Amino acid sequence: MKQVLLVFLGGGLGSVLRYLVGKQFTSDSFHFPWATFCVNLIGSFIIGFVFGYILVKHKISNELFLLLAVGFCGGFTTFSSFAHESIALLKSGQTNLFFSYIISSVTLGLICVWLGYLISGKIL
């Protein structure tokens, strides 16, 4: 039950923060979806950092992992919004923006995970 509560707490915090970040951007479906883009990159960095710390230090409490990686990153990032916004761009005829969004999200997301791994091993 403790594990479920930690995931619930982390997910709730991540979801609220995602909502607050989203409020900083205008929500116009005909422009680049900056809110989802930013939270997914930040979340990618955080999860890379957490996993990098696990690999470098070979330990992290299961509770902290559940709170940060499963709960917070799960609530903060959003693949479903990414997919929906991608299709909305395509349906609106913005093919170049559609491909830019997909390619930059995946490429920069992977880079952010890698940077998280890299930084976690260097500063801790």
N, C-alpha and C. Protein backbone atom coordinates (compact mmCIF):
# COMPACT_ATOMS: atom_id res chain seq x y z
N MET A 1 0.82 -1.19 0.00
CA MET A 1 0.00 0.00 0.00
C MET A 1 0.87 1.26 0.00
N LYS A 2 2.02 1.20 0.67
CA LYS A 2 2.93 2.35 0.71
C LYS A 2 3.41 2.70 -0.69
N GLN A 3 3.71 1.66 -1.50
CA GLN A 3 4.18 1.90 -2.86
C GLN A 3 3.13 2.62 -3.70
N VAL A 4 1.88 2.18 -3.56
CA VAL A 4 0.79 2.81 -4.31
C VAL A 4 0.64 4.27 -3.90
N LEU A 5 0.77 4.54 -2.63
CA LEU A 5 0.65 5.91 -2.13
C LEU A 5 1.78 6.79 -2.67
N LEU A 6 2.99 6.26 -2.76
CA LEU A 6 4.11 7.02 -3.30
C LEU A 6 3.91 7.34 -4.78
N VAL A 7 3.43 6.37 -5.54
CA VAL A 7 3.15 6.61 -6.96
C VAL A 7 2.04 7.64 -7.09
N PHE A 8 1.02 7.52 -6.26
CA PHE A 8 -0.10 8.46 -6.26
C PHE A 8 0.38 9.88 -5.95
N LEU A 9 1.20 10.02 -4.94
CA LEU A 9 1.72 11.33 -4.54
C LEU A 9 2.59 11.93 -5.65
N GLY A 10 3.54 11.13 -6.15
CA GLY A 10 4.41 11.61 -7.23
C GLY A 10 3.62 11.96 -8.48
N GLY A 11 2.67 11.10 -8.84
CA GLY A 11 1.85 11.35 -10.02
C GLY A 11 1.00 12.60 -9.87
N GLY A 12 0.46 12.79 -8.68
CA GLY A 12 -0.33 14.00 -8.43
C GLY A 12 0.51 15.26 -8.54
N LEU A 13 1.70 15.23 -7.94
CA LEU A 13 2.59 16.39 -8.03
C LEU A 13 3.00 16.65 -9.47
N GLY A 14 3.34 15.59 -10.19
CA GLY A 14 3.72 15.74 -11.59
C GLY A 14 2.59 16.30 -12.44
N SER A 15 1.38 15.82 -12.21
CA SER A 15 0.22 16.29 -12.98
C SER A 15 -0.08 17.75 -12.70
N VAL A 16 0.00 18.14 -11.45
CA VAL A 16 -0.26 19.55 -11.10
C VAL A 16 0.81 20.44 -11.72
N LEU A 17 2.07 20.02 -11.64
CA LEU A 17 3.14 20.82 -12.23
C LEU A 17 2.98 20.89 -13.75
N ARG A 18 2.57 19.80 -14.36
CA ARG A 18 2.34 19.81 -15.81
C ARG A 18 1.24 20.81 -16.16
N TYR A 19 0.18 20.83 -15.37
CA TYR A 19 -0.91 21.78 -15.57
C TYR A 19 -0.40 23.22 -15.46
N LEU A 20 0.41 23.49 -14.45
CA LEU A 20 0.93 24.84 -14.24
C LEU A 20 1.87 25.26 -15.36
N VAL A 21 2.69 24.34 -15.83
CA VAL A 21 3.57 24.64 -16.97
C VAL A 21 2.71 24.93 -18.20
N GLY A 22 1.70 24.12 -18.42
CA GLY A 22 0.82 24.30 -19.57
C GLY A 22 0.12 25.65 -19.57
N LYS A 23 -0.18 26.18 -18.40
CA LYS A 23 -0.84 27.48 -18.29
C LYS A 23 0.07 28.62 -18.72
N GLN A 24 1.38 28.36 -18.79
CA GLN A 24 2.33 29.39 -19.20
C GLN A 24 2.38 29.56 -20.72
N PHE A 25 1.75 28.66 -21.42
CA PHE A 25 1.76 28.69 -22.88
C PHE A 25 0.34 28.89 -23.39
N THR A 26 0.21 29.55 -24.52
CA THR A 26 -1.11 29.67 -25.13
C THR A 26 -1.49 28.34 -25.76
N SER A 27 -2.74 28.00 -25.72
CA SER A 27 -3.17 26.72 -26.28
C SER A 27 -3.89 26.95 -27.59
N ASP A 28 -3.13 27.08 -28.63
CA ASP A 28 -3.65 27.24 -29.98
C ASP A 28 -3.20 26.03 -30.79
N SER A 29 -4.14 25.21 -31.21
CA SER A 29 -3.78 23.96 -31.87
C SER A 29 -3.10 24.15 -33.22
N PHE A 30 -3.02 25.38 -33.70
CA PHE A 30 -2.39 25.62 -34.99
C PHE A 30 -0.94 26.08 -34.85
N HIS A 31 -0.43 26.05 -33.65
CA HIS A 31 0.96 26.40 -33.42
C HIS A 31 1.66 25.25 -32.72
N PHE A 32 2.96 25.39 -32.61
CA PHE A 32 3.77 24.34 -31.99
C PHE A 32 3.31 24.10 -30.55
N PRO A 33 3.12 22.86 -30.15
CA PRO A 33 2.63 22.54 -28.79
C PRO A 33 3.76 22.61 -27.75
N TRP A 34 4.14 23.82 -27.39
CA TRP A 34 5.29 24.05 -26.52
C TRP A 34 5.14 23.42 -25.14
N ALA A 35 3.96 23.47 -24.56
CA ALA A 35 3.78 22.95 -23.20
C ALA A 35 4.13 21.46 -23.12
N THR A 36 3.54 20.68 -23.99
CA THR A 36 3.80 19.23 -24.00
C THR A 36 5.26 18.97 -24.35
N PHE A 37 5.77 19.70 -25.31
CA PHE A 37 7.16 19.56 -25.73
C PHE A 37 8.10 19.78 -24.54
N CYS A 38 7.89 20.86 -23.81
CA CYS A 38 8.77 21.19 -22.67
C CYS A 38 8.66 20.18 -21.54
N VAL A 39 7.44 19.81 -21.15
CA VAL A 39 7.32 18.87 -20.03
C VAL A 39 7.89 17.51 -20.40
N ASN A 40 7.75 17.09 -21.64
CA ASN A 40 8.30 15.81 -22.04
C ASN A 40 9.83 15.83 -22.04
N LEU A 41 10.43 16.95 -22.42
CA LEU A 41 11.89 17.04 -22.39
C LEU A 41 12.40 17.11 -20.95
N ILE A 42 11.75 17.88 -20.11
CA ILE A 42 12.14 17.96 -18.70
C ILE A 42 11.99 16.59 -18.04
N GLY A 43 10.87 15.93 -18.29
CA GLY A 43 10.64 14.60 -17.73
C GLY A 43 11.66 13.59 -18.23
N SER A 44 12.05 13.71 -19.49
CA SER A 44 13.08 12.82 -20.03
C SER A 44 14.40 13.02 -19.31
N PHE A 45 14.75 14.27 -19.05
CA PHE A 45 15.97 14.54 -18.31
C PHE A 45 15.90 13.96 -16.89
N ILE A 46 14.78 14.18 -16.22
CA ILE A 46 14.63 13.69 -14.84
C ILE A 46 14.74 12.18 -14.77
N ILE A 47 14.07 11.48 -15.69
CA ILE A 47 14.12 10.02 -15.63
C ILE A 47 15.51 9.51 -16.00
N GLY A 48 16.19 10.20 -16.90
CA GLY A 48 17.58 9.84 -17.21
C GLY A 48 18.48 10.04 -16.01
N PHE A 49 18.24 11.14 -15.30
CA PHE A 49 19.02 11.42 -14.09
C PHE A 49 18.79 10.35 -13.03
N VAL A 50 17.54 9.98 -12.81
CA VAL A 50 17.22 8.95 -11.80
C VAL A 50 17.87 7.62 -12.18
N PHE A 51 17.70 7.20 -13.43
CA PHE A 51 18.30 5.92 -13.85
C PHE A 51 19.81 6.01 -13.89
N GLY A 52 20.35 7.16 -14.27
CA GLY A 52 21.80 7.33 -14.24
C GLY A 52 22.35 7.22 -12.84
N TYR A 53 21.65 7.77 -11.90
CA TYR A 53 22.06 7.69 -10.50
C TYR A 53 22.05 6.22 -10.04
N ILE A 54 21.02 5.50 -10.45
CA ILE A 54 20.95 4.08 -10.09
C ILE A 54 22.15 3.33 -10.67
N LEU A 55 22.49 3.60 -11.93
CA LEU A 55 23.61 2.89 -12.56
C LEU A 55 24.94 3.27 -11.96
N VAL A 56 25.12 4.54 -11.62
CA VAL A 56 26.40 5.00 -11.09
C VAL A 56 26.57 4.60 -9.63
N LYS A 57 25.56 4.85 -8.84
CA LYS A 57 25.65 4.58 -7.40
C LYS A 57 25.19 3.17 -7.05
N HIS A 58 24.56 2.50 -7.99
CA HIS A 58 24.08 1.14 -7.81
C HIS A 58 23.06 0.99 -6.68
N LYS A 59 22.47 2.09 -6.30
CA LYS A 59 21.43 1.98 -5.29
C LYS A 59 20.56 3.25 -5.30
N ILE A 60 19.35 3.05 -5.01
CA ILE A 60 18.39 4.12 -4.77
C ILE A 60 17.24 3.42 -4.05
N SER A 61 16.64 4.10 -3.15
CA SER A 61 15.55 3.43 -2.44
C SER A 61 14.40 3.18 -3.40
N ASN A 62 13.75 2.08 -3.22
CA ASN A 62 12.59 1.74 -4.04
C ASN A 62 11.53 2.83 -3.90
N GLU A 63 11.41 3.40 -2.71
CA GLU A 63 10.42 4.44 -2.47
C GLU A 63 10.71 5.68 -3.30
N LEU A 64 11.98 6.10 -3.36
CA LEU A 64 12.35 7.28 -4.15
C LEU A 64 12.15 7.02 -5.63
N PHE A 65 12.48 5.81 -6.07
CA PHE A 65 12.27 5.44 -7.47
C PHE A 65 10.79 5.52 -7.83
N LEU A 66 9.93 4.96 -6.99
CA LEU A 66 8.49 4.99 -7.25
C LEU A 66 7.96 6.42 -7.25
N LEU A 67 8.42 7.23 -6.32
CA LEU A 67 7.96 8.61 -6.22
C LEU A 67 8.38 9.43 -7.43
N LEU A 68 9.66 9.35 -7.82
CA LEU A 68 10.18 10.20 -8.88
C LEU A 68 9.98 9.64 -10.29
N ALA A 69 10.45 8.43 -10.52
CA ALA A 69 10.43 7.87 -11.89
C ALA A 69 9.03 7.44 -12.30
N VAL A 70 8.39 6.63 -11.47
CA VAL A 70 7.07 6.11 -11.84
C VAL A 70 6.00 7.17 -11.63
N GLY A 71 5.96 7.75 -10.44
CA GLY A 71 4.90 8.70 -10.11
C GLY A 71 5.07 10.05 -10.77
N PHE A 72 6.12 10.79 -10.39
CA PHE A 72 6.28 12.15 -10.88
C PHE A 72 6.43 12.21 -12.39
N CYS A 73 7.38 11.44 -12.94
CA CYS A 73 7.58 11.49 -14.39
C CYS A 73 6.36 10.96 -15.14
N GLY A 74 5.70 9.96 -14.58
CA GLY A 74 4.48 9.44 -15.20
C GLY A 74 3.36 10.47 -15.23
N GLY A 75 3.24 11.25 -14.17
CA GLY A 75 2.20 12.28 -14.12
C GLY A 75 2.59 13.55 -14.86
N PHE A 76 3.87 13.85 -14.91
CA PHE A 76 4.35 15.09 -15.51
C PHE A 76 4.40 15.01 -17.03
N THR A 77 4.93 13.92 -17.54
CA THR A 77 5.06 13.78 -18.99
C THR A 77 3.78 13.20 -19.58
N THR A 78 3.66 13.32 -20.90
CA THR A 78 2.41 12.86 -21.49
C THR A 78 2.61 12.42 -22.94
N PHE A 79 2.58 11.15 -23.14
CA PHE A 79 2.66 10.62 -24.50
C PHE A 79 1.33 10.79 -25.22
N SER A 80 0.24 10.65 -24.49
CA SER A 80 -1.08 10.76 -25.14
C SER A 80 -1.30 12.17 -25.69
N SER A 81 -0.90 13.19 -24.96
CA SER A 81 -1.04 14.56 -25.48
C SER A 81 -0.13 14.78 -26.68
N PHE A 82 1.08 14.23 -26.61
CA PHE A 82 2.01 14.30 -27.73
C PHE A 82 1.38 13.68 -28.98
N ALA A 83 0.80 12.51 -28.84
CA ALA A 83 0.18 11.83 -29.97
C ALA A 83 -1.03 12.61 -30.51
N HIS A 84 -1.87 13.08 -29.59
CA HIS A 84 -3.05 13.86 -30.00
C HIS A 84 -2.65 15.14 -30.72
N GLU A 85 -1.69 15.88 -30.16
CA GLU A 85 -1.26 17.13 -30.78
C GLU A 85 -0.59 16.89 -32.13
N SER A 86 0.11 15.78 -32.25
CA SER A 86 0.73 15.44 -33.54
C SER A 86 -0.35 15.22 -34.61
N ILE A 87 -1.36 14.45 -34.27
CA ILE A 87 -2.45 14.19 -35.22
C ILE A 87 -3.20 15.48 -35.53
N ALA A 88 -3.41 16.33 -34.54
CA ALA A 88 -4.10 17.62 -34.77
C ALA A 88 -3.32 18.47 -35.75
N LEU A 89 -2.00 18.48 -35.64
CA LEU A 89 -1.17 19.24 -36.59
C LEU A 89 -1.32 18.67 -37.99
N LEU A 90 -1.31 17.36 -38.10
CA LEU A 90 -1.45 16.71 -39.40
C LEU A 90 -2.82 16.99 -40.01
N LYS A 91 -3.87 16.87 -39.21
CA LYS A 91 -5.23 17.11 -39.70
C LYS A 91 -5.45 18.56 -40.11
N SER A 92 -4.72 19.48 -39.50
CA SER A 92 -4.87 20.89 -39.85
C SER A 92 -4.03 21.27 -41.06
N GLY A 93 -3.35 20.29 -41.63
CA GLY A 93 -2.57 20.55 -42.84
C GLY A 93 -1.17 21.08 -42.58
N GLN A 94 -0.75 21.09 -41.34
CA GLN A 94 0.58 21.61 -41.00
C GLN A 94 1.60 20.47 -40.97
N THR A 95 1.82 19.92 -42.14
CA THR A 95 2.68 18.74 -42.27
C THR A 95 4.10 19.01 -41.78
N ASN A 96 4.66 20.16 -42.16
CA ASN A 96 6.03 20.47 -41.72
C ASN A 96 6.12 20.57 -40.20
N LEU A 97 5.15 21.21 -39.59
CA LEU A 97 5.13 21.32 -38.13
C LEU A 97 4.92 19.95 -37.48
N PHE A 98 4.08 19.12 -38.10
CA PHE A 98 3.86 17.76 -37.63
C PHE A 98 5.17 16.99 -37.56
N PHE A 99 5.92 16.98 -38.67
CA PHE A 99 7.18 16.25 -38.70
C PHE A 99 8.23 16.89 -37.78
N SER A 100 8.25 18.21 -37.71
CA SER A 100 9.19 18.90 -36.82
C SER A 100 8.93 18.53 -35.37
N TYR A 101 7.66 18.50 -35.00
CA TYR A 101 7.28 18.18 -33.63
C TYR A 101 7.69 16.75 -33.26
N ILE A 102 7.39 15.82 -34.12
CA ILE A 102 7.72 14.43 -33.85
C ILE A 102 9.24 14.21 -33.80
N ILE A 103 9.93 14.69 -34.81
CA ILE A 103 11.38 14.47 -34.88
C ILE A 103 12.10 15.16 -33.73
N SER A 104 11.73 16.42 -33.46
CA SER A 104 12.41 17.14 -32.38
C SER A 104 12.06 16.56 -31.01
N SER A 105 10.83 16.13 -30.80
CA SER A 105 10.45 15.55 -29.51
C SER A 105 11.22 14.27 -29.23
N VAL A 106 11.27 13.39 -30.21
CA VAL A 106 11.96 12.11 -30.01
C VAL A 106 13.47 12.32 -29.90
N THR A 107 14.05 13.10 -30.79
CA THR A 107 15.49 13.31 -30.78
C THR A 107 15.94 14.02 -29.51
N LEU A 108 15.29 15.13 -29.18
CA LEU A 108 15.69 15.88 -28.00
C LEU A 108 15.33 15.14 -26.71
N GLY A 109 14.25 14.35 -26.73
CA GLY A 109 13.91 13.52 -25.57
C GLY A 109 15.01 12.52 -25.27
N LEU A 110 15.51 11.88 -26.30
CA LEU A 110 16.62 10.93 -26.12
C LEU A 110 17.88 11.64 -25.63
N ILE A 111 18.14 12.81 -26.17
CA ILE A 111 19.31 13.59 -25.73
C ILE A 111 19.16 13.99 -24.26
N CYS A 112 17.96 14.38 -23.86
CA CYS A 112 17.72 14.76 -22.46
C CYS A 112 17.91 13.58 -21.51
N VAL A 113 17.45 12.39 -21.91
CA VAL A 113 17.69 11.20 -21.09
C VAL A 113 19.19 10.97 -20.97
N TRP A 114 19.90 11.04 -22.07
CA TRP A 114 21.34 10.83 -22.08
C TRP A 114 22.04 11.87 -21.20
N LEU A 115 21.63 13.14 -21.29
CA LEU A 115 22.22 14.18 -20.45
C LEU A 115 21.94 13.92 -18.97
N GLY A 116 20.75 13.45 -18.66
CA GLY A 116 20.43 13.09 -17.29
C GLY A 116 21.36 12.00 -16.78
N TYR A 117 21.56 10.97 -17.59
CA TYR A 117 22.51 9.91 -17.23
C TYR A 117 23.90 10.51 -16.98
N LEU A 118 24.34 11.31 -17.93
CA LEU A 118 25.68 11.88 -17.89
C LEU A 118 25.88 12.76 -16.66
N ILE A 119 24.96 13.66 -16.42
CA ILE A 119 25.09 14.60 -15.31
C ILE A 119 24.98 13.88 -13.97
N SER A 120 24.11 12.90 -13.86
CA SER A 120 23.96 12.19 -12.59
C SER A 120 25.26 11.51 -12.18
N GLY A 121 26.00 11.03 -13.12
CA GLY A 121 27.25 10.36 -12.82
C GLY A 121 28.38 11.33 -12.52
N LYS A 122 28.28 12.56 -12.98
CA LYS A 122 29.35 13.52 -12.81
C LYS A 122 29.21 14.37 -11.56
N ILE A 123 27.95 14.64 -11.14
CA ILE A 123 27.81 15.58 -10.01
C ILE A 123 27.47 14.89 -8.70
N LEU A 124 27.17 13.61 -8.72
CA LEU A 124 26.81 12.93 -7.47
C LEU A 124 27.89 11.95 -7.06
